[in-house]
Amino acid sequence: MARTGRFLAVAALAALLLGACANKDADRADVVNALEEAGASSEQANCVGDGLTDEDSEFQLSQKELNDLAGASDLDELDSDVNDRVRAVMDQCLGDGSGSDTATTDSTDESTTTTGG
């Protein structure tokens, strides 16, 4: 599963880098469409789109940074800060292949026994 998630992340990253049209500003829809075309689920694509464009996201890209991402042929062409933020969002949304950004927990039942005395 981790291998599938890693492959999807690489494919999605390639789609992001080459997906937007150079004649217009890249936007959230471009991110989502490129990722879905690369095989990401709608949930995964929306997660990345939100992570890169939502005002409340710690990883939000400016319009210039989003355009730079869309126009780049490789992440190494981007400023290291932008590169780090894109990778962080991709890891969060696609890293395990589930598209979920929630933590998984062990579902072990615990019980407590109290004895009177």
PDB file of N, CA and C in Angstrom:
ATOM      1  N   MET A   1       0.823  -1.197   0.000  1.00  0.00           N
ATOM      2  CA  MET A   1       0.000   0.000   0.000  1.00  0.00           C
ATOM      3  C   MET A   1       0.861   1.252   0.000  1.00  0.00           C
ATOM      4  N   ALA A   2       1.942   1.243   0.765  1.00  0.00           N
ATOM      5  CA  ALA A   2       2.817   2.406   0.790  1.00  0.00           C
ATOM      6  C   ALA A   2       3.430   2.647  -0.573  1.00  0.00           C
ATOM      7  N   ARG A   3       3.725   1.564  -1.289  1.00  0.00           N
ATOM      8  CA  ARG A   3       4.288   1.689  -2.621  1.00  0.00           C
ATOM      9  C   ARG A   3       3.278   2.321  -3.576  1.00  0.00           C
ATOM     10  N   THR A   4       2.021   1.924  -3.481  1.00  0.00           N
ATOM     11  CA  THR A   4       0.961   2.502  -4.305  1.00  0.00           C
ATOM     12  C   THR A   4       0.802   3.976  -3.986  1.00  0.00           C
ATOM     13  N   GLY A   5       0.820   4.323  -2.720  1.00  0.00           N
ATOM     14  CA  GLY A   5       0.708   5.720  -2.314  1.00  0.00           C
ATOM     15  C   GLY A   5       1.865   6.543  -2.824  1.00  0.00           C
ATOM     16  N   ARG A   6       3.069   5.990  -2.770  1.00  0.00           N
ATOM     17  CA  ARG A   6       4.257   6.689  -3.246  1.00  0.00           C
ATOM     18  C   ARG A   6       4.181   6.895  -4.756  1.00  0.00           C
ATOM     19  N   PHE A   7       3.733   5.868  -5.494  1.00  0.00           N
ATOM     20  CA  PHE A   7       3.593   5.982  -6.940  1.00  0.00           C
ATOM     21  C   PHE A   7       2.568   7.058  -7.281  1.00  0.00           C
ATOM     22  N   LEU A   8       1.439   7.054  -6.582  1.00  0.00           N
ATOM     23  CA  LEU A   8       0.414   8.050  -6.823  1.00  0.00           C
ATOM     24  C   LEU A   8       0.948   9.442  -6.533  1.00  0.00           C
ATOM     25  N   ALA A   9       1.709   9.596  -5.464  1.00  0.00           N
ATOM     26  CA  ALA A   9       2.273  10.904  -5.132  1.00  0.00           C
ATOM     27  C   ALA A   9       3.205  11.392  -6.231  1.00  0.00           C
ATOM     28  N   VAL A  10       4.028  10.500  -6.769  1.00  0.00           N
ATOM     29  CA  VAL A  10       4.946  10.880  -7.847  1.00  0.00           C
ATOM     30  C   VAL A  10       4.161  11.252  -9.096  1.00  0.00           C
ATOM     31  N   ALA A  11       3.177  10.452  -9.456  1.00  0.00           N
ATOM     32  CA  ALA A  11       2.355  10.741 -10.638  1.00  0.00           C
ATOM     33  C   ALA A  11       1.595  12.049 -10.455  1.00  0.00           C
ATOM     34  N   ALA A  12       1.066  12.260  -9.262  1.00  0.00           N
ATOM     35  CA  ALA A  12       0.321  13.476  -8.989  1.00  0.00           C
ATOM     36  C   ALA A  12       1.231  14.696  -9.036  1.00  0.00           C
ATOM     37  N   LEU A  13       2.424  14.543  -8.536  1.00  0.00           N
ATOM     38  CA  LEU A  13       3.385  15.638  -8.562  1.00  0.00           C
ATOM     39  C   LEU A  13       3.732  16.012  -9.999  1.00  0.00           C
ATOM     40  N   ALA A  14       3.939  15.015 -10.830  1.00  0.00           N
ATOM     41  CA  ALA A  14       4.222  15.274 -12.243  1.00  0.00           C
ATOM     42  C   ALA A  14       3.042  15.981 -12.903  1.00  0.00           C
ATOM     43  N   ALA A  15       1.834  15.558 -12.570  1.00  0.00           N
ATOM     44  CA  ALA A  15       0.645  16.191 -13.138  1.00  0.00           C
ATOM     45  C   ALA A  15       0.534  17.641 -12.694  1.00  0.00           C
ATOM     46  N   LEU A  16       0.848  17.896 -11.437  1.00  0.00           N
ATOM     47  CA  LEU A  16       0.811  19.265 -10.932  1.00  0.00           C
ATOM     48  C   LEU A  16       1.820  20.143 -11.660  1.00  0.00           C
ATOM     49  N   LEU A  17       3.013  19.625 -11.838  1.00  0.00           N
ATOM     50  CA  LEU A  17       4.065  20.413 -12.454  1.00  0.00           C
ATOM     51  C   LEU A  17       3.770  20.746 -13.909  1.00  0.00           C
ATOM     52  N   LEU A  18       3.067  19.880 -14.586  1.00  0.00           N
ATOM     53  CA  LEU A  18       2.832  20.078 -16.006  1.00  0.00           C
ATOM     54  C   LEU A  18       1.382  20.384 -16.345  1.00  0.00           C
ATOM     55  N   GLY A  19       0.521  20.458 -15.314  1.00  0.00           N
ATOM     56  CA  GLY A  19      -0.906  20.482 -15.564  1.00  0.00           C
ATOM     57  C   GLY A  19      -1.556  21.795 -15.897  1.00  0.00           C
ATOM     58  N   ALA A  20      -1.043  22.894 -15.478  1.00  0.00           N
ATOM     59  CA  ALA A  20      -1.752  24.156 -15.675  1.00  0.00           C
ATOM     60  C   ALA A  20      -1.332  24.822 -16.975  1.00  0.00           C
ATOM     61  N   CYS A  21      -2.244  25.540 -17.517  1.00  0.00           N
ATOM     62  CA  CYS A  21      -1.981  26.261 -18.763  1.00  0.00           C
ATOM     63  C   CYS A  21      -1.132  27.491 -18.465  1.00  0.00           C
ATOM     64  N   ALA A  22      -0.155  27.743 -19.300  1.00  0.00           N
ATOM     65  CA  ALA A  22       0.757  28.862 -19.085  1.00  0.00           C
ATOM     66  C   ALA A  22       0.098  30.208 -19.375  1.00  0.00           C
ATOM     67  N   ASN A  23      -1.062  30.210 -20.030  1.00  0.00           N
ATOM     68  CA  ASN A  23      -1.707  31.455 -20.431  1.00  0.00           C
ATOM     69  C   ASN A  23      -2.633  32.037 -19.371  1.00  0.00           C
ATOM     70  N   LYS A  24      -2.807  31.353 -18.262  1.00  0.00           N
ATOM     71  CA  LYS A  24      -3.700  31.850 -17.215  1.00  0.00           C
ATOM     72  C   LYS A  24      -3.120  31.535 -15.848  1.00  0.00           C
ATOM     73  N   ASP A  25      -3.674  32.188 -14.842  1.00  0.00           N
ATOM     74  CA  ASP A  25      -3.248  31.898 -13.476  1.00  0.00           C
ATOM     75  C   ASP A  25      -3.734  30.513 -13.080  1.00  0.00           C
ATOM     76  N   ALA A  26      -2.852  29.750 -12.464  1.00  0.00           N
ATOM     77  CA  ALA A  26      -3.228  28.444 -11.929  1.00  0.00           C
ATOM     78  C   ALA A  26      -4.132  28.676 -10.723  1.00  0.00           C
ATOM     79  N   ASP A  27      -5.052  27.748 -10.500  1.00  0.00           N
ATOM     80  CA  ASP A  27      -5.941  27.869  -9.349  1.00  0.00           C
ATOM     81  C   ASP A  27      -6.229  26.494  -8.755  1.00  0.00           C
ATOM     82  N   ARG A  28      -7.061  26.485  -7.730  1.00  0.00           N
ATOM     83  CA  ARG A  28      -7.379  25.252  -7.018  1.00  0.00           C
ATOM     84  C   ARG A  28      -7.938  24.196  -7.964  1.00  0.00           C
ATOM     85  N   ALA A  29      -8.824  24.601  -8.869  1.00  0.00           N
ATOM     86  CA  ALA A  29      -9.433  23.658  -9.804  1.00  0.00           C
ATOM     87  C   ALA A  29      -8.367  23.003 -10.685  1.00  0.00           C
ATOM     88  N   ASP A  30      -7.345  23.761 -11.090  1.00  0.00           N
ATOM     89  CA  ASP A  30      -6.257  23.183 -11.884  1.00  0.00           C
ATOM     90  C   ASP A  30      -5.539  22.095 -11.101  1.00  0.00           C
ATOM     91  N   VAL A  31      -5.298  22.353  -9.827  1.00  0.00           N
ATOM     92  CA  VAL A  31      -4.625  21.386  -8.961  1.00  0.00           C
ATOM     93  C   VAL A  31      -5.473  20.117  -8.861  1.00  0.00           C
ATOM     94  N   VAL A  32      -6.751  20.289  -8.535  1.00  0.00           N
ATOM     95  CA  VAL A  32      -7.652  19.148  -8.354  1.00  0.00           C
ATOM     96  C   VAL A  32      -7.774  18.343  -9.648  1.00  0.00           C
ATOM     97  N   ASN A  33      -8.003  19.025 -10.766  1.00  0.00           N
ATOM     98  CA  ASN A  33      -8.159  18.329 -12.050  1.00  0.00           C
ATOM     99  C   ASN A  33      -6.901  17.556 -12.436  1.00  0.00           C
ATOM    100  N   ALA A  34      -5.735  18.176 -12.269  1.00  0.00           N
ATOM    101  CA  ALA A  34      -4.483  17.515 -12.619  1.00  0.00           C
ATOM    102  C   ALA A  34      -4.271  16.261 -11.780  1.00  0.00           C
ATOM    103  N   LEU A  35      -4.589  16.341 -10.501  1.00  0.00           N
ATOM    104  CA  LEU A  35      -4.402  15.194  -9.623  1.00  0.00           C
ATOM    105  C   LEU A  35      -5.390  14.076  -9.930  1.00  0.00           C
ATOM    106  N   GLU A  36      -6.638  14.428 -10.198  1.00  0.00           N
ATOM    107  CA  GLU A  36      -7.627  13.397 -10.542  1.00  0.00           C
ATOM    108  C   GLU A  36      -7.255  12.709 -11.857  1.00  0.00           C
ATOM    109  N   GLU A  37      -6.760  13.484 -12.822  1.00  0.00           N
ATOM    110  CA  GLU A  37      -6.323  12.891 -14.091  1.00  0.00           C
ATOM    111  C   GLU A  37      -5.132  11.959 -13.891  1.00  0.00           C
ATOM    112  N   ALA A  38      -4.332  12.219 -12.852  1.00  0.00           N
ATOM    113  CA  ALA A  38      -3.172  11.376 -12.553  1.00  0.00           C
ATOM    114  C   ALA A  38      -3.557  10.140 -11.750  1.00  0.00           C
ATOM    115  N   GLY A  39      -4.839  10.039 -11.336  1.00  0.00           N
ATOM    116  CA  GLY A  39      -5.277   8.855 -10.627  1.00  0.00           C
ATOM    117  C   GLY A  39      -5.605   9.058  -9.161  1.00  0.00           C
ATOM    118  N   ALA A  40      -5.478  10.271  -8.667  1.00  0.00           N
ATOM    119  CA  ALA A  40      -5.841  10.532  -7.275  1.00  0.00           C
ATOM    120  C   ALA A  40      -7.361  10.494  -7.141  1.00  0.00           C
ATOM    121  N   SER A  41      -7.827  10.078  -5.984  1.00  0.00           N
ATOM    122  CA  SER A  41      -9.267  10.111  -5.727  1.00  0.00           C
ATOM    123  C   SER A  41      -9.695  11.571  -5.585  1.00  0.00           C
ATOM    124  N   SER A  42     -10.985  11.796  -5.684  1.00  0.00           N
ATOM    125  CA  SER A  42     -11.520  13.145  -5.506  1.00  0.00           C
ATOM    126  C   SER A  42     -11.145  13.689  -4.126  1.00  0.00           C
ATOM    127  N   GLU A  43     -11.219  12.827  -3.117  1.00  0.00           N
ATOM    128  CA  GLU A  43     -10.874  13.233  -1.754  1.00  0.00           C
ATOM    129  C   GLU A  43      -9.406  13.651  -1.651  1.00  0.00           C
ATOM    130  N   GLN A  44      -8.516  12.864  -2.257  1.00  0.00           N
ATOM    131  CA  GLN A  44      -7.089  13.176  -2.231  1.00  0.00           C
ATOM    132  C   GLN A  44      -6.807  14.469  -2.985  1.00  0.00           C
ATOM    133  N   ALA A  45      -7.386  14.603  -4.177  1.00  0.00           N
ATOM    134  CA  ALA A  45      -7.150  15.789  -4.997  1.00  0.00           C
ATOM    135  C   ALA A  45      -7.650  17.049  -4.300  1.00  0.00           C
ATOM    136  N   ASN A  46      -8.813  16.966  -3.678  1.00  0.00           N
ATOM    137  CA  ASN A  46      -9.346  18.119  -2.954  1.00  0.00           C
ATOM    138  C   ASN A  46      -8.501  18.450  -1.736  1.00  0.00           C
ATOM    139  N   CYS A  47      -7.967  17.437  -1.090  1.00  0.00           N
ATOM    140  CA  CYS A  47      -7.077  17.657   0.058  1.00  0.00           C
ATOM    141  C   CYS A  47      -5.862  18.470  -0.364  1.00  0.00           C
ATOM    142  N   VAL A  48      -5.226  18.074  -1.475  1.00  0.00           N
ATOM    143  CA  VAL A  48      -4.048  18.807  -1.967  1.00  0.00           C
ATOM    144  C   VAL A  48      -4.454  20.205  -2.416  1.00  0.00           C
ATOM    145  N   GLY A  49      -5.560  20.295  -3.157  1.00  0.00           N
ATOM    146  CA  GLY A  49      -6.032  21.606  -3.610  1.00  0.00           C
ATOM    147  C   GLY A  49      -6.274  22.554  -2.448  1.00  0.00           C
ATOM    148  N   ASP A  50      -6.924  22.057  -1.415  1.00  0.00           N
ATOM    149  CA  ASP A  50      -7.167  22.878  -0.223  1.00  0.00           C
ATOM    150  C   ASP A  50      -5.858  23.241   0.464  1.00  0.00           C
ATOM    151  N   GLY A  51      -4.983  22.271   0.584  1.00  0.00           N
ATOM    152  CA  GLY A  51      -3.717  22.510   1.284  1.00  0.00           C
ATOM    153  C   GLY A  51      -2.847  23.564   0.619  1.00  0.00           C
ATOM    154  N   LEU A  52      -2.926  23.644  -0.697  1.00  0.00           N
ATOM    155  CA  LEU A  52      -2.085  24.604  -1.419  1.00  0.00           C
ATOM    156  C   LEU A  52      -2.751  25.953  -1.644  1.00  0.00           C
ATOM    157  N   THR A  53      -4.083  26.030  -1.488  1.00  0.00           N
ATOM    158  CA  THR A  53      -4.774  27.277  -1.824  1.00  0.00           C
ATOM    159  C   THR A  53      -5.614  27.876  -0.704  1.00  0.00           C
ATOM    160  N   ASP A  54      -5.941  27.117   0.326  1.00  0.00           N
ATOM    161  CA  ASP A  54      -6.814  27.606   1.393  1.00  0.00           C
ATOM    162  C   ASP A  54      -6.086  28.634   2.258  1.00  0.00           C
ATOM    163  N   GLU A  55      -6.745  29.743   2.508  1.00  0.00           N
ATOM    164  CA  GLU A  55      -6.159  30.812   3.324  1.00  0.00           C
ATOM    165  C   GLU A  55      -5.772  30.349   4.715  1.00  0.00           C
ATOM    166  N   ASP A  56      -6.460  29.340   5.234  1.00  0.00           N
ATOM    167  CA  ASP A  56      -6.188  28.848   6.586  1.00  0.00           C
ATOM    168  C   ASP A  56      -5.099  27.785   6.629  1.00  0.00           C
ATOM    169  N   SER A  57      -4.600  27.385   5.469  1.00  0.00           N
ATOM    170  CA  SER A  57      -3.580  26.339   5.413  1.00  0.00           C
ATOM    171  C   SER A  57      -2.199  26.917   5.684  1.00  0.00           C
ATOM    172  N   GLU A  58      -1.440  26.215   6.494  1.00  0.00           N
ATOM    173  CA  GLU A  58      -0.069  26.650   6.763  1.00  0.00           C
ATOM    174  C   GLU A  58       0.822  26.493   5.529  1.00  0.00           C
ATOM    175  N   PHE A  59       0.339  25.760   4.522  1.00  0.00           N
ATOM    176  CA  PHE A  59       1.111  25.483   3.316  1.00  0.00           C
ATOM    177  C   PHE A  59       0.647  26.302   2.111  1.00  0.00           C
ATOM    178  N   GLN A  60      -0.272  27.243   2.307  1.00  0.00           N
ATOM    179  CA  GLN A  60      -0.860  27.991   1.206  1.00  0.00           C
ATOM    180  C   GLN A  60       0.216  28.628   0.320  1.00  0.00           C
ATOM    181  N   LEU A  61       0.013  28.525  -0.985  1.00  0.00           N
ATOM    182  CA  LEU A  61       0.896  29.156  -1.953  1.00  0.00           C
ATOM    183  C   LEU A  61       0.270  30.459  -2.434  1.00  0.00           C
ATOM    184  N   SER A  62       1.106  31.455  -2.678  1.00  0.00           N
ATOM    185  CA  SER A  62       0.624  32.687  -3.290  1.00  0.00           C
ATOM    186  C   SER A  62       0.289  32.400  -4.749  1.00  0.00           C
ATOM    187  N   GLN A  63      -0.366  33.338  -5.409  1.00  0.00           N
ATOM    188  CA  GLN A  63      -0.684  33.141  -6.824  1.00  0.00           C
ATOM    189  C   GLN A  63       0.593  32.949  -7.638  1.00  0.00           C
ATOM    190  N   LYS A  64       1.611  33.734  -7.338  1.00  0.00           N
ATOM    191  CA  LYS A  64       2.887  33.602  -8.059  1.00  0.00           C
ATOM    192  C   LYS A  64       3.499  32.217  -7.834  1.00  0.00           C
ATOM    193  N   GLU A  65       3.466  31.754  -6.583  1.00  0.00           N
ATOM    194  CA  GLU A  65       4.027  30.429  -6.269  1.00  0.00           C
ATOM    195  C   GLU A  65       3.236  29.314  -6.953  1.00  0.00           C
ATOM    196  N   LEU A  66       1.909  29.460  -6.993  1.00  0.00           N
ATOM    197  CA  LEU A  66       1.071  28.468  -7.657  1.00  0.00           C
ATOM    198  C   LEU A  66       1.360  28.444  -9.160  1.00  0.00           C
ATOM    199  N   ASN A  67       1.534  29.621  -9.751  1.00  0.00           N
ATOM    200  CA  ASN A  67       1.889  29.699 -11.173  1.00  0.00           C
ATOM    201  C   ASN A  67       3.274  29.109 -11.420  1.00  0.00           C
ATOM    202  N   ASP A  68       4.214  29.389 -10.507  1.00  0.00           N
ATOM    203  CA  ASP A  68       5.561  28.812 -10.632  1.00  0.00           C
ATOM    204  C   ASP A  68       5.494  27.294 -10.570  1.00  0.00           C
ATOM    205  N   LEU A  69       4.665  26.762  -9.668  1.00  0.00           N
ATOM    206  CA  LEU A  69       4.493  25.315  -9.551  1.00  0.00           C
ATOM    207  C   LEU A  69       3.948  24.742 -10.853  1.00  0.00           C
ATOM    208  N   ALA A  70       2.922  25.379 -11.386  1.00  0.00           N
ATOM    209  CA  ALA A  70       2.300  24.892 -12.617  1.00  0.00           C
ATOM    210  C   ALA A  70       3.258  24.958 -13.802  1.00  0.00           C
ATOM    211  N   GLY A  71       4.169  25.925 -13.792  1.00  0.00           N
ATOM    212  CA  GLY A  71       5.087  26.086 -14.909  1.00  0.00           C
ATOM    213  C   GLY A  71       6.389  25.334 -14.774  1.00  0.00           C
ATOM    214  N   ALA A  72       6.638  24.748 -13.624  1.00  0.00           N
ATOM    215  CA  ALA A  72       7.903  24.052 -13.390  1.00  0.00           C
ATOM    216  C   ALA A  72       7.873  22.661 -14.007  1.00  0.00           C
ATOM    217  N   SER A  73       9.024  22.202 -14.448  1.00  0.00           N
ATOM    218  CA  SER A  73       9.111  20.825 -14.939  1.00  0.00           C
ATOM    219  C   SER A  73       9.654  19.904 -13.857  1.00  0.00           C
ATOM    220  N   ASP A  74      10.136  20.486 -12.763  1.00  0.00           N
ATOM    221  CA  ASP A  74      10.691  19.713 -11.657  1.00  0.00           C
ATOM    222  C   ASP A  74      10.585  20.549 -10.392  1.00  0.00           C
ATOM    223  N   LEU A  75      10.298  19.912  -9.274  1.00  0.00           N
ATOM    224  CA  LEU A  75      10.190  20.649  -8.006  1.00  0.00           C
ATOM    225  C   LEU A  75      11.480  21.379  -7.647  1.00  0.00           C
ATOM    226  N   ASP A  76      12.604  20.864  -8.092  1.00  0.00           N
ATOM    227  CA  ASP A  76      13.880  21.503  -7.765  1.00  0.00           C
ATOM    228  C   ASP A  76      14.025  22.884  -8.400  1.00  0.00           C
ATOM    229  N   GLU A  77      13.158  23.210  -9.370  1.00  0.00           N
ATOM    230  CA  GLU A  77      13.168  24.539  -9.976  1.00  0.00           C
ATOM    231  C   GLU A  77      12.534  25.577  -9.063  1.00  0.00           C
ATOM    232  N   LEU A  78      11.804  25.132  -8.065  1.00  0.00           N
ATOM    233  CA  LEU A  78      11.088  26.029  -7.165  1.00  0.00           C
ATOM    234  C   LEU A  78      11.955  26.434  -5.983  1.00  0.00           C
ATOM    235  N   ASP A  79      11.600  27.557  -5.372  1.00  0.00           N
ATOM    236  CA  ASP A  79      12.257  27.953  -4.125  1.00  0.00           C
ATOM    237  C   ASP A  79      12.121  26.818  -3.130  1.00  0.00           C
ATOM    238  N   SER A  80      13.113  26.651  -2.283  1.00  0.00           N
ATOM    239  CA  SER A  80      13.093  25.536  -1.334  1.00  0.00           C
ATOM    240  C   SER A  80      11.878  25.587  -0.411  1.00  0.00           C
ATOM    241  N   ASP A  81      11.434  26.782  -0.029  1.00  0.00           N
ATOM    242  CA  ASP A  81      10.265  26.910   0.837  1.00  0.00           C
ATOM    243  C   ASP A  81       9.013  26.399   0.126  1.00  0.00           C
ATOM    244  N   VAL A  82       8.838  26.749  -1.138  1.00  0.00           N
ATOM    245  CA  VAL A  82       7.690  26.290  -1.914  1.00  0.00           C
ATOM    246  C   VAL A  82       7.771  24.773  -2.096  1.00  0.00           C
ATOM    247  N   ASN A  83       8.942  24.293  -2.437  1.00  0.00           N
ATOM    248  CA  ASN A  83       9.181  22.863  -2.600  1.00  0.00           C
ATOM    249  C   ASN A  83       8.778  22.117  -1.329  1.00  0.00           C
ATOM    250  N   ASP A  84       9.225  22.609  -0.181  1.00  0.00           N
ATOM    251  CA  ASP A  84       8.909  21.965   1.098  1.00  0.00           C
ATOM    252  C   ASP A  84       7.408  21.959   1.377  1.00  0.00           C
ATOM    253  N   ARG A  85       6.734  23.073   1.089  1.00  0.00           N
ATOM    254  CA  ARG A  85       5.291  23.144   1.350  1.00  0.00           C
ATOM    255  C   ARG A  85       4.517  22.201   0.432  1.00  0.00           C
ATOM    256  N   VAL A  86       4.895  22.137  -0.835  1.00  0.00           N
ATOM    257  CA  VAL A  86       4.215  21.236  -1.767  1.00  0.00           C
ATOM    258  C   VAL A  86       4.413  19.790  -1.333  1.00  0.00           C
ATOM    259  N   ARG A  87       5.636  19.436  -0.985  1.00  0.00           N
ATOM    260  CA  ARG A  87       5.908  18.064  -0.549  1.00  0.00           C
ATOM    261  C   ARG A  87       5.145  17.721   0.726  1.00  0.00           C
ATOM    262  N   ALA A  88       5.036  18.676   1.639  1.00  0.00           N
ATOM    263  CA  ALA A  88       4.320  18.432   2.892  1.00  0.00           C
ATOM    264  C   ALA A  88       2.840  18.153   2.622  1.00  0.00           C
ATOM    265  N   VAL A  89       2.232  18.937   1.736  1.00  0.00           N
ATOM    266  CA  VAL A  89       0.818  18.715   1.403  1.00  0.00           C
ATOM    267  C   VAL A  89       0.650  17.375   0.704  1.00  0.00           C
ATOM    268  N   MET A  90       1.552  17.066  -0.220  1.00  0.00           N
ATOM    269  CA  MET A  90       1.462  15.792  -0.931  1.00  0.00           C
ATOM    270  C   MET A  90       1.609  14.623   0.041  1.00  0.00           C
ATOM    271  N   ASP A  91       2.550  14.725   0.972  1.00  0.00           N
ATOM    272  CA  ASP A  91       2.729  13.666   1.965  1.00  0.00           C
ATOM    273  C   ASP A  91       1.485  13.513   2.829  1.00  0.00           C
ATOM    274  N   GLN A  92       0.926  14.634   3.238  1.00  0.00           N
ATOM    275  CA  GLN A  92      -0.248  14.615   4.104  1.00  0.00           C
ATOM    276  C   GLN A  92      -1.455  14.003   3.392  1.00  0.00           C
ATOM    277  N   CYS A  93      -1.642  14.352   2.139  1.00  0.00           N
ATOM    278  CA  CYS A  93      -2.850  13.929   1.427  1.00  0.00           C
ATOM    279  C   CYS A  93      -2.693  12.619   0.667  1.00  0.00           C
ATOM    280  N   LEU A  94      -1.490  12.316   0.208  1.00  0.00           N
ATOM    281  CA  LEU A  94      -1.279  11.151  -0.643  1.00  0.00           C
ATOM    282  C   LEU A  94      -0.298  10.148  -0.084  1.00  0.00           C
ATOM    283  N   GLY A  95       0.401  10.516   0.965  1.00  0.00           N
ATOM    284  CA  GLY A  95       1.513   9.720   1.467  1.00  0.00           C
ATOM    285  C   GLY A  95       1.215   8.272   1.748  1.00  0.00           C
ATOM    286  N   ASP A  96       0.058   7.980   2.319  1.00  0.00           N
ATOM    287  CA  ASP A  96      -0.245   6.584   2.634  1.00  0.00           C
ATOM    288  C   ASP A  96      -1.217   5.974   1.640  1.00  0.00           C
ATOM    289  N   GLY A  97      -1.578   6.751   0.604  1.00  0.00           N
ATOM    290  CA  GLY A  97      -2.481   6.234  -0.412  1.00  0.00           C
ATOM    291  C   GLY A  97      -3.942   6.275  -0.032  1.00  0.00           C
ATOM    292  N   SER A  98      -4.262   6.750   1.166  1.00  0.00           N
ATOM    293  CA  SER A  98      -5.659   6.754   1.587  1.00  0.00           C
ATOM    294  C   SER A  98      -6.338   8.091   1.363  1.00  0.00           C
ATOM    295  N   GLY A  99      -5.559   9.151   1.249  1.00  0.00           N
ATOM    296  CA  GLY A  99      -6.149  10.469   1.080  1.00  0.00           C
ATOM    297  C   GLY A  99      -6.652  11.061   2.372  1.00  0.00           C
ATOM    298  N   SER A 100      -6.499  10.354   3.447  1.00  0.00           N
ATOM    299  CA  SER A 100      -6.989  10.821   4.730  1.00  0.00           C
ATOM    300  C   SER A 100      -5.874  11.546   5.466  1.00  0.00           C
ATOM    301  N   ASP A 101      -6.221  12.686   6.037  1.00  0.00           N
ATOM    302  CA  ASP A 101      -5.228  13.395   6.816  1.00  0.00           C
ATOM    303  C   ASP A 101      -5.470  13.208   8.304  1.00  0.00           C
ATOM    304  N   THR A 102      -6.257  12.191   8.642  1.00  0.00           N
ATOM    305  CA  THR A 102      -6.503  11.887  10.039  1.00  0.00           C
ATOM    306  C   THR A 102      -5.589  10.759  10.478  1.00  0.00           C
ATOM    307  N   ALA A 103      -5.224  10.794  11.704  1.00  0.00           N
ATOM    308  CA  ALA A 103      -4.344   9.767  12.247  1.00  0.00           C
ATOM    309  C   ALA A 103      -5.123   8.478  12.475  1.00  0.00           C
ATOM    310  N   THR A 104      -4.465   7.366  12.272  1.00  0.00           N
ATOM    311  CA  THR A 104      -5.108   6.096  12.572  1.00  0.00           C
ATOM    312  C   THR A 104      -4.722   5.691  13.982  1.00  0.00           C
ATOM    313  N   THR A 105      -5.652   5.071  14.651  1.00  0.00           N
ATOM    314  CA  THR A 105      -5.391   4.661  16.020  1.00  0.00           C
ATOM    315  C   THR A 105      -5.591   3.166  16.142  1.00  0.00           C
ATOM    316  N   ASP A 106      -4.941   2.595  17.119  1.00  0.00           N
ATOM    317  CA  ASP A 106      -5.092   1.179  17.409  1.00  0.00           C
ATOM    318  C   ASP A 106      -6.448   0.983  18.057  1.00  0.00           C
ATOM    319  N   SER A 107      -7.199   0.001  17.592  1.00  0.00           N
ATOM    320  CA  SER A 107      -8.553  -0.188  18.096  1.00  0.00           C
ATOM    321  C   SER A 107      -8.630  -1.245  19.193  1.00  0.00           C
ATOM    322  N   THR A 108      -7.609  -1.348  19.987  1.00  0.00           N
ATOM    323  CA  THR A 108      -7.596  -2.313  21.071  1.00  0.00           C
ATOM    324  C   THR A 108      -8.534  -1.858  22.180  1.00  0.00           C
ATOM    325  N   ASP A 109      -9.366  -2.784  22.644  1.00  0.00           N
ATOM    326  CA  ASP A 109     -10.268  -2.458  23.741  1.00  0.00           C
ATOM    327  C   ASP A 109      -9.518  -2.539  25.058  1.00  0.00           C
ATOM    328  N   GLU A 110      -9.785  -1.570  25.902  1.00  0.00           N
ATOM    329  CA  GLU A 110      -9.182  -1.582  27.230  1.00  0.00           C
ATOM    330  C   GLU A 110     -10.311  -1.662  28.250  1.00  0.00           C
ATOM    331  N   SER A 111     -10.096  -2.411  29.306  1.00  0.00           N
ATOM    332  CA  SER A 111     -11.104  -2.472  30.360  1.00  0.00           C
ATOM    333  C   SER A 111     -10.397  -2.309  31.693  1.00  0.00           C
ATOM    334  N   THR A 112     -11.148  -1.775  32.624  1.00  0.00           N
ATOM    335  CA  THR A 112     -10.608  -1.558  33.956  1.00  0.00           C
ATOM    336  C   THR A 112     -11.437  -2.374  34.935  1.00  0.00           C
ATOM    337  N   THR A 113     -10.773  -3.090  35.796  1.00  0.00           N
ATOM    338  CA  THR A 113     -11.461  -3.879  36.795  1.00  0.00           C
ATOM    339  C   THR A 113     -11.210  -3.243  38.161  1.00  0.00           C
ATOM    340  N   THR A 114     -12.307  -2.974  38.870  1.00  0.00           N
ATOM    341  CA  THR A 114     -12.190  -2.383  40.194  1.00  0.00           C
ATOM    342  C   THR A 114     -12.672  -3.404  41.206  1.00  0.00           C
ATOM    343  N   THR A 115     -11.877  -3.618  42.221  1.00  0.00           N
ATOM    344  CA  THR A 115     -12.288  -4.524  43.286  1.00  0.00           C
ATOM    345  C   THR A 115     -12.552  -3.737  44.549  1.00  0.00           C
ATOM    346  N   GLY A 116     -13.615  -4.110  45.209  1.00  0.00           N
ATOM    347  CA  GLY A 116     -13.979  -3.423  46.449  1.00  0.00           C
ATOM    348  C   GLY A 116     -13.196  -3.984  47.629  1.00  0.00           C
ATOM    349  N   GLY A 117     -13.069  -3.225  48.647  1.00  0.00           N
ATOM    350  CA  GLY A 117     -12.293  -3.768  49.747  1.00  0.00           C
ATOM    351  C   GLY A 117     -12.459  -3.117  50.991  1.00  0.00           C
TER     352      GLY A 117
END
